[in-house]
């Protein structure tokens, strides 16, 4: 999901940088995409290793609702809530 929607955030991220140079911005993009790829690959690998071919599309749905899984769902909800102002900045 991150890789499909990053282009919306480019304008506000570039506007907030101190030194607006293409080289610095390219480094930022490469590092952020590498972190996304790494985190998605690790999450998918551990989900597959835990559940095998019975894994659901949402990894958290495969786990029983224990307090740590519910905490993960809450953290993802907070992340989504705090991301929207950046995305709406472009439409302003």
PDB file of N, CA and C in Angstrom:
ATOM      1  N   UNK A   1       0.818  -1.183   0.000  1.00  0.00           N
ATOM      2  CA  UNK A   1       0.000   0.000   0.000  1.00  0.00           C
ATOM      3  C   UNK A   1       0.867   1.255   0.000  1.00  0.00           C
ATOM      4  N   UNK A   2       1.936   1.220   0.737  1.00  0.00           N
ATOM      5  CA  UNK A   2       2.807   2.394   0.815  1.00  0.00           C
ATOM      6  C   UNK A   2       3.349   2.773  -0.557  1.00  0.00           C
ATOM      7  N   UNK A   3       3.787   1.778  -1.303  1.00  0.00           N
ATOM      8  CA  UNK A   3       4.392   2.061  -2.598  1.00  0.00           C
ATOM      9  C   UNK A   3       3.376   2.579  -3.605  1.00  0.00           C
ATOM     10  N   UNK A   4       2.107   2.265  -3.415  1.00  0.00           N
ATOM     11  CA  UNK A   4       1.099   2.710  -4.354  1.00  0.00           C
ATOM     12  C   UNK A   4       0.610   4.121  -4.048  1.00  0.00           C
ATOM     13  N   UNK A   5       0.814   4.614  -2.829  1.00  0.00           N
ATOM     14  CA  UNK A   5       0.293   5.915  -2.455  1.00  0.00           C
ATOM     15  C   UNK A   5       1.365   6.922  -2.065  1.00  0.00           C
ATOM     16  N   UNK A   6       2.616   6.599  -2.241  1.00  0.00           N
ATOM     17  CA  UNK A   6       3.680   7.526  -1.857  1.00  0.00           C
ATOM     18  C   UNK A   6       3.691   8.785  -2.709  1.00  0.00           C
ATOM     19  N   UNK A   7       3.266   8.691  -3.952  1.00  0.00           N
ATOM     20  CA  UNK A   7       3.336   9.848  -4.833  1.00  0.00           C
ATOM     21  C   UNK A   7       2.467  10.994  -4.333  1.00  0.00           C
ATOM     22  N   UNK A   8       1.427  10.717  -3.558  1.00  0.00           N
ATOM     23  CA  UNK A   8       0.577  11.771  -3.016  1.00  0.00           C
ATOM     24  C   UNK A   8       1.333  12.599  -1.988  1.00  0.00           C
ATOM     25  N   UNK A   9       2.202  11.967  -1.230  1.00  0.00           N
ATOM     26  CA  UNK A   9       2.930  12.643  -0.155  1.00  0.00           C
ATOM     27  C   UNK A   9       4.182  13.366  -0.618  1.00  0.00           C
ATOM     28  N   UNK A  10       4.566  13.224  -1.856  1.00  0.00           N
ATOM     29  CA  UNK A  10       5.826  13.812  -2.309  1.00  0.00           C
ATOM     30  C   UNK A  10       5.865  15.330  -2.172  1.00  0.00           C
ATOM     31  N   UNK A  11       4.788  15.999  -2.493  1.00  0.00           N
ATOM     32  CA  UNK A  11       4.774  17.467  -2.444  1.00  0.00           C
ATOM     33  C   UNK A  11       4.990  17.988  -1.021  1.00  0.00           C
ATOM     34  N   UNK A  12       4.209  17.545  -0.016  1.00  0.00           N
ATOM     35  CA  UNK A  12       4.461  18.060   1.328  1.00  0.00           C
ATOM     36  C   UNK A  12       5.803  17.638   1.910  1.00  0.00           C
ATOM     37  N   UNK A  13       6.272  16.451   1.567  1.00  0.00           N
ATOM     38  CA  UNK A  13       7.578  16.025   2.074  1.00  0.00           C
ATOM     39  C   UNK A  13       8.674  16.891   1.480  1.00  0.00           C
ATOM     40  N   UNK A  14       8.595  17.161   0.188  1.00  0.00           N
ATOM     41  CA  UNK A  14       9.595  18.019  -0.443  1.00  0.00           C
ATOM     42  C   UNK A  14       9.509  19.439   0.108  1.00  0.00           C
ATOM     43  N   UNK A  15       8.306  19.925   0.393  1.00  0.00           N
ATOM     44  CA  UNK A  15       8.139  21.281   0.922  1.00  0.00           C
ATOM     45  C   UNK A  15       8.725  21.421   2.323  1.00  0.00           C
ATOM     46  N   UNK A  16       8.797  20.330   3.071  1.00  0.00           N
ATOM     47  CA  UNK A  16       9.307  20.381   4.445  1.00  0.00           C
ATOM     48  C   UNK A  16      10.809  20.161   4.551  1.00  0.00           C
ATOM     49  N   UNK A  17      11.460  19.836   3.475  1.00  0.00           N
ATOM     50  CA  UNK A  17      12.904  19.602   3.555  1.00  0.00           C
ATOM     51  C   UNK A  17      13.658  20.914   3.682  1.00  0.00           C
ATOM     52  N   UNK A  18      14.774  20.873   4.399  1.00  0.00           N
ATOM     53  CA  UNK A  18      15.581  22.081   4.593  1.00  0.00           C
ATOM     54  C   UNK A  18      16.284  22.484   3.309  1.00  0.00           C
ATOM     55  N   UNK A  19      17.012  21.534   2.750  1.00  0.00           N
ATOM     56  CA  UNK A  19      17.734  21.801   1.502  1.00  0.00           C
ATOM     57  C   UNK A  19      16.988  21.117   0.367  1.00  0.00           C
ATOM     58  N   UNK A  20      16.302  21.880  -0.425  1.00  0.00           N
ATOM     59  CA  UNK A  20      15.478  21.313  -1.504  1.00  0.00           C
ATOM     60  C   UNK A  20      16.336  21.061  -2.733  1.00  0.00           C
ATOM     61  N   UNK A  21      17.072  19.962  -2.658  1.00  0.00           N
ATOM     62  CA  UNK A  21      17.884  19.541  -3.796  1.00  0.00           C
ATOM     63  C   UNK A  21      17.432  18.156  -4.227  1.00  0.00           C
ATOM     64  N   UNK A  22      17.552  17.898  -5.493  1.00  0.00           N
ATOM     65  CA  UNK A  22      17.088  16.631  -6.047  1.00  0.00           C
ATOM     66  C   UNK A  22      17.861  15.449  -5.461  1.00  0.00           C
ATOM     67  N   UNK A  23      19.155  15.614  -5.217  1.00  0.00           N
ATOM     68  CA  UNK A  23      19.959  14.520  -4.670  1.00  0.00           C
ATOM     69  C   UNK A  23      19.474  14.127  -3.274  1.00  0.00           C
ATOM     70  N   UNK A  24      19.221  15.111  -2.416  1.00  0.00           N
ATOM     71  CA  UNK A  24      18.731  14.807  -1.068  1.00  0.00           C
ATOM     72  C   UNK A  24      17.366  14.138  -1.115  1.00  0.00           C
ATOM     73  N   UNK A  25      16.525  14.616  -2.001  1.00  0.00           N
ATOM     74  CA  UNK A  25      15.183  14.050  -2.107  1.00  0.00           C
ATOM     75  C   UNK A  25      15.221  12.636  -2.669  1.00  0.00           C
ATOM     76  N   UNK A  26      16.118  12.383  -3.588  1.00  0.00           N
ATOM     77  CA  UNK A  26      16.275  11.035  -4.139  1.00  0.00           C
ATOM     78  C   UNK A  26      16.741  10.069  -3.055  1.00  0.00           C
ATOM     79  N   UNK A  27      17.653  10.513  -2.216  1.00  0.00           N
ATOM     80  CA  UNK A  27      18.108   9.673  -1.099  1.00  0.00           C
ATOM     81  C   UNK A  27      16.952   9.351  -0.161  1.00  0.00           C
ATOM     82  N   UNK A  28      16.122  10.349   0.123  1.00  0.00           N
ATOM     83  CA  UNK A  28      14.970  10.141   0.996  1.00  0.00           C
ATOM     84  C   UNK A  28      14.014   9.111   0.408  1.00  0.00           C
ATOM     85  N   UNK A  29      13.759   9.203  -0.882  1.00  0.00           N
ATOM     86  CA  UNK A  29      12.848   8.266  -1.539  1.00  0.00           C
ATOM     87  C   UNK A  29      13.418   6.851  -1.523  1.00  0.00           C
ATOM     88  N   UNK A  30      14.690   6.715  -1.834  1.00  0.00           N
ATOM     89  CA  UNK A  30      15.314   5.384  -1.881  1.00  0.00           C
ATOM     90  C   UNK A  30      15.313   4.739  -0.496  1.00  0.00           C
ATOM     91  N   UNK A  31      15.647   5.505   0.531  1.00  0.00           N
ATOM     92  CA  UNK A  31      15.673   4.960   1.890  1.00  0.00           C
ATOM     93  C   UNK A  31      14.281   4.569   2.347  1.00  0.00           C
ATOM     94  N   UNK A  32      13.280   5.410   2.082  1.00  0.00           N
ATOM     95  CA  UNK A  32      11.919   5.092   2.525  1.00  0.00           C
ATOM     96  C   UNK A  32      11.358   3.880   1.786  1.00  0.00           C
ATOM     97  N   UNK A  33      11.618   3.755   0.494  1.00  0.00           N
ATOM     98  CA  UNK A  33      11.152   2.579  -0.236  1.00  0.00           C
ATOM     99  C   UNK A  33      11.867   1.311   0.229  1.00  0.00           C
ATOM    100  N   UNK A  34      13.143   1.430   0.542  1.00  0.00           N
ATOM    101  CA  UNK A  34      13.879   0.269   1.056  1.00  0.00           C
ATOM    102  C   UNK A  34      13.311  -0.179   2.399  1.00  0.00           C
ATOM    103  N   UNK A  35      12.966   0.777   3.265  1.00  0.00           N
ATOM    104  CA  UNK A  35      12.360   0.422   4.550  1.00  0.00           C
ATOM    105  C   UNK A  35      10.991  -0.220   4.370  1.00  0.00           C
ATOM    106  N   UNK A  36      10.202   0.280   3.424  1.00  0.00           N
ATOM    107  CA  UNK A  36       8.892  -0.328   3.141  1.00  0.00           C
ATOM    108  C   UNK A  36       9.053  -1.754   2.634  1.00  0.00           C
ATOM    109  N   UNK A  37       9.938  -1.945   1.686  1.00  0.00           N
ATOM    110  CA  UNK A  37      10.155  -3.288   1.132  1.00  0.00           C
ATOM    111  C   UNK A  37      10.641  -4.237   2.219  1.00  0.00           C
ATOM    112  N   UNK A  38      11.567  -3.783   3.045  1.00  0.00           N
ATOM    113  CA  UNK A  38      12.094  -4.621   4.118  1.00  0.00           C
ATOM    114  C   UNK A  38      11.005  -4.987   5.119  1.00  0.00           C
ATOM    115  N   UNK A  39      10.229  -3.998   5.555  1.00  0.00           N
ATOM    116  CA  UNK A  39       9.201  -4.296   6.562  1.00  0.00           C
ATOM    117  C   UNK A  39       8.100  -5.188   5.992  1.00  0.00           C
ATOM    118  N   UNK A  40       7.689  -4.973   4.747  1.00  0.00           N
ATOM    119  CA  UNK A  40       6.664  -5.824   4.139  1.00  0.00           C
ATOM    120  C   UNK A  40       7.168  -7.246   3.940  1.00  0.00           C
ATOM    121  N   UNK A  41       8.418  -7.394   3.533  1.00  0.00           N
ATOM    122  CA  UNK A  41       8.983  -8.722   3.310  1.00  0.00           C
ATOM    123  C   UNK A  41       9.112  -9.492   4.618  1.00  0.00           C
ATOM    124  N   UNK A  42       9.576  -8.825   5.658  1.00  0.00           N
ATOM    125  CA  UNK A  42       9.708  -9.489   6.960  1.00  0.00           C
ATOM    126  C   UNK A  42       8.337  -9.895   7.498  1.00  0.00           C
ATOM    127  N   UNK A  43       7.363  -8.989   7.410  1.00  0.00           N
ATOM    128  CA  UNK A  43       6.020  -9.301   7.902  1.00  0.00           C
ATOM    129  C   UNK A  43       5.400 -10.463   7.127  1.00  0.00           C
ATOM    130  N   UNK A  44       5.514 -10.433   5.817  1.00  0.00           N
ATOM    131  CA  UNK A  44       4.955 -11.510   4.997  1.00  0.00           C
ATOM    132  C   UNK A  44       5.663 -12.835   5.270  1.00  0.00           C
ATOM    133  N   UNK A  45       6.965 -12.801   5.429  1.00  0.00           N
ATOM    134  CA  UNK A  45       7.711 -14.037   5.692  1.00  0.00           C
ATOM    135  C   UNK A  45       7.319 -14.659   7.021  1.00  0.00           C
ATOM    136  N   UNK A  46       7.253 -13.842   8.076  1.00  0.00           N
ATOM    137  CA  UNK A  46       6.871 -14.384   9.377  1.00  0.00           C
ATOM    138  C   UNK A  46       5.422 -14.855   9.378  1.00  0.00           C
ATOM    139  N   UNK A  47       4.548 -14.157   8.666  1.00  0.00           N
ATOM    140  CA  UNK A  47       3.164 -14.616   8.562  1.00  0.00           C
ATOM    141  C   UNK A  47       3.072 -15.948   7.861  1.00  0.00           C
ATOM    142  N   UNK A  48       3.821 -16.108   6.787  1.00  0.00           N
ATOM    143  CA  UNK A  48       3.803 -17.378   6.061  1.00  0.00           C
ATOM    144  C   UNK A  48       4.436 -18.496   6.878  1.00  0.00           C
ATOM    145  N   UNK A  49       5.531 -18.185   7.583  1.00  0.00           N
ATOM    146  CA  UNK A  49       6.174 -19.203   8.409  1.00  0.00           C
ATOM    147  C   UNK A  49       5.281 -19.616   9.577  1.00  0.00           C
ATOM    148  N   UNK A  50       4.469 -18.696  10.075  1.00  0.00           N
ATOM    149  CA  UNK A  50       3.595 -19.008  11.197  1.00  0.00           C
ATOM    150  C   UNK A  50       2.371 -19.801  10.764  1.00  0.00           C
ATOM    151  N   UNK A  51       1.726 -19.396   9.665  1.00  0.00           N
ATOM    152  CA  UNK A  51       0.444 -19.981   9.276  1.00  0.00           C
ATOM    153  C   UNK A  51       0.505 -20.837   8.014  1.00  0.00           C
ATOM    154  N   UNK A  52       1.591 -20.818   7.296  1.00  0.00           N
ATOM    155  CA  UNK A  52       1.699 -21.595   6.062  1.00  0.00           C
ATOM    156  C   UNK A  52       0.787 -21.026   4.982  1.00  0.00           C
ATOM    157  N   UNK A  53       0.164 -21.894   4.228  1.00  0.00           N
ATOM    158  CA  UNK A  53      -0.687 -21.430   3.131  1.00  0.00           C
ATOM    159  C   UNK A  53      -2.063 -20.989   3.609  1.00  0.00           C
ATOM    160  N   UNK A  54      -2.349 -21.096   4.896  1.00  0.00           N
ATOM    161  CA  UNK A  54      -3.642 -20.684   5.449  1.00  0.00           C
ATOM    162  C   UNK A  54      -3.630 -19.224   5.911  1.00  0.00           C
ATOM    163  N   UNK A  55      -2.623 -18.469   5.528  1.00  0.00           N
ATOM    164  CA  UNK A  55      -2.513 -17.069   5.929  1.00  0.00           C
ATOM    165  C   UNK A  55      -3.591 -16.243   5.231  1.00  0.00           C
ATOM    166  N   UNK A  56      -4.170 -15.295   5.951  1.00  0.00           N
ATOM    167  CA  UNK A  56      -5.169 -14.390   5.373  1.00  0.00           C
ATOM    168  C   UNK A  56      -4.456 -13.177   4.778  1.00  0.00           C
ATOM    169  N   UNK A  57      -5.169 -12.414   3.980  1.00  0.00           N
ATOM    170  CA  UNK A  57      -4.569 -11.238   3.349  1.00  0.00           C
ATOM    171  C   UNK A  57      -4.105 -10.228   4.397  1.00  0.00           C
ATOM    172  N   UNK A  58      -4.856 -10.076   5.469  1.00  0.00           N
ATOM    173  CA  UNK A  58      -4.452  -9.228   6.582  1.00  0.00           C
ATOM    174  C   UNK A  58      -3.835 -10.142   7.638  1.00  0.00           C
ATOM    175  N   UNK A  59      -2.540 -10.011   7.848  1.00  0.00           N
ATOM    176  CA  UNK A  59      -1.825 -10.921   8.746  1.00  0.00           C
ATOM    177  C   UNK A  59      -2.414 -10.880  10.150  1.00  0.00           C
ATOM    178  N   UNK A  60      -2.809  -9.699  10.617  1.00  0.00           N
ATOM    179  CA  UNK A  60      -3.345  -9.596  11.966  1.00  0.00           C
ATOM    180  C   UNK A  60      -4.671 -10.341  12.129  1.00  0.00           C
ATOM    181  N   UNK A  61      -5.412 -10.546  11.048  1.00  0.00           N
ATOM    182  CA  UNK A  61      -6.671 -11.296  11.117  1.00  0.00           C
ATOM    183  C   UNK A  61      -6.433 -12.778  11.375  1.00  0.00           C
ATOM    184  N   UNK A  62      -5.244 -13.247  11.098  1.00  0.00           N
ATOM    185  CA  UNK A  62      -4.935 -14.663  11.289  1.00  0.00           C
ATOM    186  C   UNK A  62      -4.669 -15.005  12.749  1.00  0.00           C
ATOM    187  N   UNK A  63      -4.303 -14.023  13.536  1.00  0.00           N
ATOM    188  CA  UNK A  63      -4.011 -14.255  14.947  1.00  0.00           C
ATOM    189  C   UNK A  63      -5.285 -14.175  15.775  1.00  0.00           C
ATOM    190  N   UNK A  64      -5.301 -14.869  16.908  1.00  0.00           N
ATOM    191  CA  UNK A  64      -6.434 -14.746  17.823  1.00  0.00           C
ATOM    192  C   UNK A  64      -6.344 -13.378  18.516  1.00  0.00           C
ATOM    193  N   UNK A  65      -7.478 -12.791  18.875  1.00  0.00           N
ATOM    194  CA  UNK A  65      -7.468 -11.419  19.419  1.00  0.00           C
ATOM    195  C   UNK A  65      -6.943 -11.342  20.855  1.00  0.00           C
ATOM    196  N   UNK A  66      -5.649 -11.457  20.994  1.00  0.00           N
ATOM    197  CA  UNK A  66      -5.002 -11.297  22.301  1.00  0.00           C
ATOM    198  C   UNK A  66      -4.650  -9.822  22.486  1.00  0.00           C
ATOM    199  N   UNK A  67      -4.286  -9.413  23.689  1.00  0.00           N
ATOM    200  CA  UNK A  67      -3.984  -7.986  23.911  1.00  0.00           C
ATOM    201  C   UNK A  67      -2.868  -7.435  23.014  1.00  0.00           C
ATOM    202  N   UNK A  68      -1.850  -8.232  22.724  1.00  0.00           N
ATOM    203  CA  UNK A  68      -0.777  -7.716  21.872  1.00  0.00           C
ATOM    204  C   UNK A  68      -1.235  -7.529  20.423  1.00  0.00           C
ATOM    205  N   UNK A  69      -2.121  -8.396  19.941  1.00  0.00           N
ATOM    206  CA  UNK A  69      -2.659  -8.233  18.586  1.00  0.00           C
ATOM    207  C   UNK A  69      -3.589  -7.028  18.538  1.00  0.00           C
ATOM    208  N   UNK A  70      -4.401  -6.841  19.565  1.00  0.00           N
ATOM    209  CA  UNK A  70      -5.274  -5.670  19.624  1.00  0.00           C
ATOM    210  C   UNK A  70      -4.458  -4.383  19.700  1.00  0.00           C
ATOM    211  N   UNK A  71      -3.333  -4.421  20.410  1.00  0.00           N
ATOM    212  CA  UNK A  71      -2.449  -3.254  20.463  1.00  0.00           C
ATOM    213  C   UNK A  71      -1.890  -2.942  19.082  1.00  0.00           C
ATOM    214  N   UNK A  72      -1.541  -3.972  18.320  1.00  0.00           N
ATOM    215  CA  UNK A  72      -1.042  -3.759  16.959  1.00  0.00           C
ATOM    216  C   UNK A  72      -2.112  -3.126  16.078  1.00  0.00           C
ATOM    217  N   UNK A  73      -3.358  -3.561  16.233  1.00  0.00           N
ATOM    218  CA  UNK A  73      -4.457  -2.970  15.461  1.00  0.00           C
ATOM    219  C   UNK A  73      -4.645  -1.509  15.841  1.00  0.00           C
ATOM    220  N   UNK A  74      -4.559  -1.189  17.121  1.00  0.00           N
ATOM    221  CA  UNK A  74      -4.693   0.197  17.575  1.00  0.00           C
ATOM    222  C   UNK A  74      -3.558   1.054  17.036  1.00  0.00           C
ATOM    223  N   UNK A  75      -2.343   0.531  17.029  1.00  0.00           N
ATOM    224  CA  UNK A  75      -1.194   1.284  16.511  1.00  0.00           C
ATOM    225  C   UNK A  75      -1.367   1.553  15.018  1.00  0.00           C
ATOM    226  N   UNK A  76      -1.871   0.588  14.268  1.00  0.00           N
ATOM    227  CA  UNK A  76      -2.108   0.803  12.840  1.00  0.00           C
ATOM    228  C   UNK A  76      -3.195   1.850  12.636  1.00  0.00           C
ATOM    229  N   UNK A  77      -4.237   1.838  13.483  1.00  0.00           N
ATOM    230  CA  UNK A  77      -5.285   2.850  13.387  1.00  0.00           C
ATOM    231  C   UNK A  77      -4.735   4.240  13.682  1.00  0.00           C
ATOM    232  N   UNK A  78      -3.859   4.365  14.669  1.00  0.00           N
ATOM    233  CA  UNK A  78      -3.230   5.657  14.971  1.00  0.00           C
ATOM    234  C   UNK A  78      -2.364   6.108  13.807  1.00  0.00           C
ATOM    235  N   UNK A  79      -1.640   5.190  13.204  1.00  0.00           N
ATOM    236  CA  UNK A  79      -0.807   5.520  12.041  1.00  0.00           C
ATOM    237  C   UNK A  79      -1.667   6.050  10.897  1.00  0.00           C
ATOM    238  N   UNK A  80      -2.796   5.394  10.646  1.00  0.00           N
ATOM    239  CA  UNK A  80      -3.685   5.852   9.582  1.00  0.00           C
ATOM    240  C   UNK A  80      -4.271   7.221   9.899  1.00  0.00           C
ATOM    241  N   UNK A  81      -4.631   7.437  11.156  1.00  0.00           N
ATOM    242  CA  UNK A  81      -5.214   8.715  11.562  1.00  0.00           C
ATOM    243  C   UNK A  81      -4.210   9.852  11.426  1.00  0.00           C
ATOM    244  N   UNK A  82      -2.954   9.605  11.748  1.00  0.00           N
ATOM    245  CA  UNK A  82      -1.951  10.674  11.673  1.00  0.00           C
ATOM    246  C   UNK A  82      -1.404  10.880  10.264  1.00  0.00           C
ATOM    247  N   UNK A  83      -1.666   9.951   9.350  1.00  0.00           N
ATOM    248  CA  UNK A  83      -1.192  10.091   7.978  1.00  0.00           C
ATOM    249  C   UNK A  83      -2.100  10.982   7.137  1.00  0.00           C
ATOM    250  N   UNK A  84      -3.381  11.037   7.440  1.00  0.00           N
ATOM    251  CA  UNK A  84      -4.322  11.774   6.615  1.00  0.00           C
ATOM    252  C   UNK A  84      -4.023  13.273   6.492  1.00  0.00           C
ATOM    253  N   UNK A  85      -3.578  13.968   7.541  1.00  0.00           N
ATOM    254  CA  UNK A  85      -3.271  15.399   7.338  1.00  0.00           C
ATOM    255  C   UNK A  85      -2.194  15.637   6.270  1.00  0.00           C
ATOM    256  N   UNK A  86      -1.220  14.748   6.184  1.00  0.00           N
ATOM    257  CA  UNK A  86      -0.188  14.900   5.165  1.00  0.00           C
ATOM    258  C   UNK A  86      -0.784  14.694   3.779  1.00  0.00           C
ATOM    259  N   UNK A  87      -1.652  13.713   3.639  1.00  0.00           N
ATOM    260  CA  UNK A  87      -2.265  13.445   2.348  1.00  0.00           C
ATOM    261  C   UNK A  87      -3.243  14.550   1.942  1.00  0.00           C
ATOM    262  N   UNK A  88      -3.927  15.140   2.914  1.00  0.00           N
ATOM    263  CA  UNK A  88      -4.887  16.198   2.591  1.00  0.00           C
ATOM    264  C   UNK A  88      -4.204  17.535   2.321  1.00  0.00           C
ATOM    265  N   UNK A  89      -2.946  17.682   2.695  1.00  0.00           N
ATOM    266  CA  UNK A  89      -2.203  18.908   2.433  1.00  0.00           C
ATOM    267  C   UNK A  89      -2.126  19.186   0.935  1.00  0.00           C
ATOM    268  N   UNK A  90      -2.004  18.149   0.145  1.00  0.00           N
ATOM    269  CA  UNK A  90      -1.899  18.304  -1.296  1.00  0.00           C
ATOM    270  C   UNK A  90      -3.197  18.860  -1.882  1.00  0.00           C
ATOM    271  N   UNK A  91      -4.313  18.422  -1.378  1.00  0.00           N
ATOM    272  CA  UNK A  91      -5.605  18.888  -1.890  1.00  0.00           C
ATOM    273  C   UNK A  91      -5.994  20.275  -1.443  1.00  0.00           C
ATOM    274  N   UNK A  92      -5.254  20.827  -0.501  1.00  0.00           N
ATOM    275  CA  UNK A  92      -5.563  22.132   0.023  1.00  0.00           C
ATOM    276  C   UNK A  92      -5.258  23.190  -0.939  1.00  0.00           C
TER     277      UNK A  92
END
